[in-house]
Amino acid sequence: MLEKTNRMNYLYDFYQALLTPKQSSYMALYYLDDYSLGEIAEEYDVSRQAVYDNIKRTEAMLEEYEEKLLLFEKFQKRSELISQMKELMSNGENNRDLNEMIAELEKLD
């Protein structure tokens, strides 16, 4: 569950500008502020089921955006390459390995 929450938080960060204000608000309350479905429903004077449906639809939309745009995947790959580069630099590795990693980073953009 924590892995899904972290993924949704990242997807929300990357794609929140593509959501409606209501979708954005529900997702922020549910995932970032840890509100329950009942608390969100009370806040917006709607049913718990309406909140649940909206959140599930929004999660699906965020996954579709990621499938098409790959912003989160590229972010993860960049972070991984940067960590590897830092490790190589601290180990005094040669420049060829670092240049290859830099080329890979450039391809991600």
Protein backbone atom coordinates (compact mmCIF):
# COMPACT_ATOMS: atom_id res chain seq x y z
CA MET A 1 0.00 0.00 0.00
CA LEU A 2 2.83 2.40 0.81
CA GLU A 3 4.36 1.78 -2.62
CA LYS A 4 1.05 2.68 -4.31
CA THR A 5 0.74 5.82 -2.17
CA ASN A 6 4.26 6.91 -3.08
CA ARG A 7 3.60 6.24 -6.77
CA MET A 8 0.34 8.22 -6.69
CA ASN A 9 2.06 11.10 -4.91
CA TYR A 10 4.73 11.23 -7.63
CA LEU A 11 2.18 10.95 -10.44
CA TYR A 12 0.12 13.67 -8.80
CA ASP A 13 3.20 15.90 -8.59
CA PHE A 14 3.98 15.39 -12.27
CA TYR A 15 0.46 15.61 -13.70
CA GLN A 16 -1.64 17.68 -11.28
CA ALA A 17 -1.83 20.54 -13.79
CA LEU A 18 -3.84 18.21 -16.06
CA LEU A 19 -6.51 17.53 -13.41
CA THR A 20 -9.67 19.46 -12.67
CA PRO A 21 -9.68 21.46 -9.42
CA LYS A 22 -12.00 18.90 -7.81
CA GLN A 23 -9.83 15.95 -8.86
CA SER A 24 -6.74 17.74 -7.66
CA SER A 25 -8.33 18.59 -4.33
CA TYR A 26 -9.60 15.05 -3.69
CA MET A 27 -6.22 13.53 -4.55
CA ALA A 28 -4.32 16.02 -2.38
CA LEU A 29 -6.60 15.42 0.58
CA TYR A 30 -6.56 11.64 0.20
CA TYR A 31 -2.89 11.01 -0.64
CA LEU A 32 -1.01 14.01 0.70
CA ASP A 33 -3.07 14.98 3.75
CA ASP A 34 -4.18 11.41 4.57
CA TYR A 35 -7.89 12.24 4.84
CA SER A 36 -10.30 9.33 4.85
CA LEU A 37 -12.99 8.99 2.20
CA GLY A 38 -15.56 9.92 4.85
CA GLU A 39 -13.69 13.10 5.82
CA ILE A 40 -13.44 14.20 2.19
CA ALA A 41 -17.13 13.40 1.63
CA GLU A 42 -18.06 15.49 4.65
CA GLU A 43 -15.85 18.36 3.49
CA TYR A 44 -17.53 18.45 0.05
CA ASP A 45 -21.00 17.38 1.19
CA VAL A 46 -21.08 14.36 -1.14
CA SER A 47 -21.31 10.62 -0.56
CA ARG A 48 -18.34 8.49 0.35
CA GLN A 49 -18.97 6.50 -2.83
CA ALA A 50 -18.76 9.66 -4.95
CA VAL A 51 -15.35 10.46 -3.44
CA TYR A 52 -14.16 6.88 -3.94
CA ASP A 53 -15.30 6.85 -7.59
CA ASN A 54 -13.65 10.20 -8.28
CA ILE A 55 -10.35 9.10 -6.73
CA LYS A 56 -10.34 5.78 -8.63
CA ARG A 57 -11.06 7.56 -11.94
CA THR A 58 -8.34 10.09 -11.23
CA GLU A 59 -5.84 7.35 -10.36
CA ALA A 60 -6.61 5.70 -13.70
CA MET A 61 -6.15 9.02 -15.50
CA LEU A 62 -2.79 9.60 -13.83
CA GLU A 63 -1.66 6.11 -14.87
CA GLU A 64 -2.77 6.82 -18.46
CA TYR A 65 -0.84 10.10 -18.49
CA GLU A 66 2.25 8.26 -17.23
CA GLU A 67 1.81 5.53 -19.83
CA LYS A 68 1.87 8.16 -22.57
CA LEU A 69 4.29 10.77 -21.23
CA LEU A 70 6.62 8.67 -19.03
CA LEU A 71 7.64 11.61 -16.82
CA PHE A 72 7.87 9.51 -13.66
CA GLU A 73 9.75 6.69 -15.41
CA LYS A 74 12.29 9.15 -16.80
CA PHE A 75 12.62 10.79 -13.38
CA GLN A 76 13.39 7.40 -11.80
CA LYS A 77 15.91 6.53 -14.51
CA ARG A 78 17.63 9.92 -14.16
CA SER A 79 17.83 9.52 -10.38
CA GLU A 80 19.31 6.04 -10.77
CA LEU A 81 21.93 7.23 -13.27
CA ILE A 82 22.89 10.19 -11.11
CA SER A 83 23.39 7.89 -8.11
CA GLN A 84 25.56 5.58 -10.19
CA MET A 85 27.59 8.53 -11.45
CA LYS A 86 28.18 9.81 -7.93
CA GLU A 87 29.35 6.37 -6.87
CA LEU A 88 31.73 6.12 -9.84
CA MET A 89 33.13 9.56 -9.09
CA SER A 90 33.72 8.68 -5.43
CA ASN A 91 35.49 5.48 -6.53
CA GLY A 92 37.71 7.40 -8.96
CA GLU A 93 36.41 5.54 -12.01
CA ASN A 94 37.40 6.59 -15.51
CA ASN A 95 35.70 9.26 -17.56
CA ARG A 96 34.48 6.85 -20.24
CA ASP A 97 31.90 5.29 -17.92
CA LEU A 98 30.75 8.72 -16.77
CA ASN A 99 30.49 9.99 -20.35
CA GLU A 100 28.32 7.01 -21.27
CA MET A 101 26.01 7.74 -18.36
CA ILE A 102 25.81 11.41 -19.29
CA ALA A 103 24.86 10.40 -22.84
CA GLU A 104 22.11 8.19 -21.40
CA LEU A 105 20.83 11.07 -19.29
CA GLU A 106 20.72 13.32 -22.33
CA LYS A 107 18.64 10.73 -24.20
CA LEU A 108 15.98 10.84 -21.47
CA ASP A 109 15.07 14.44 -22.29
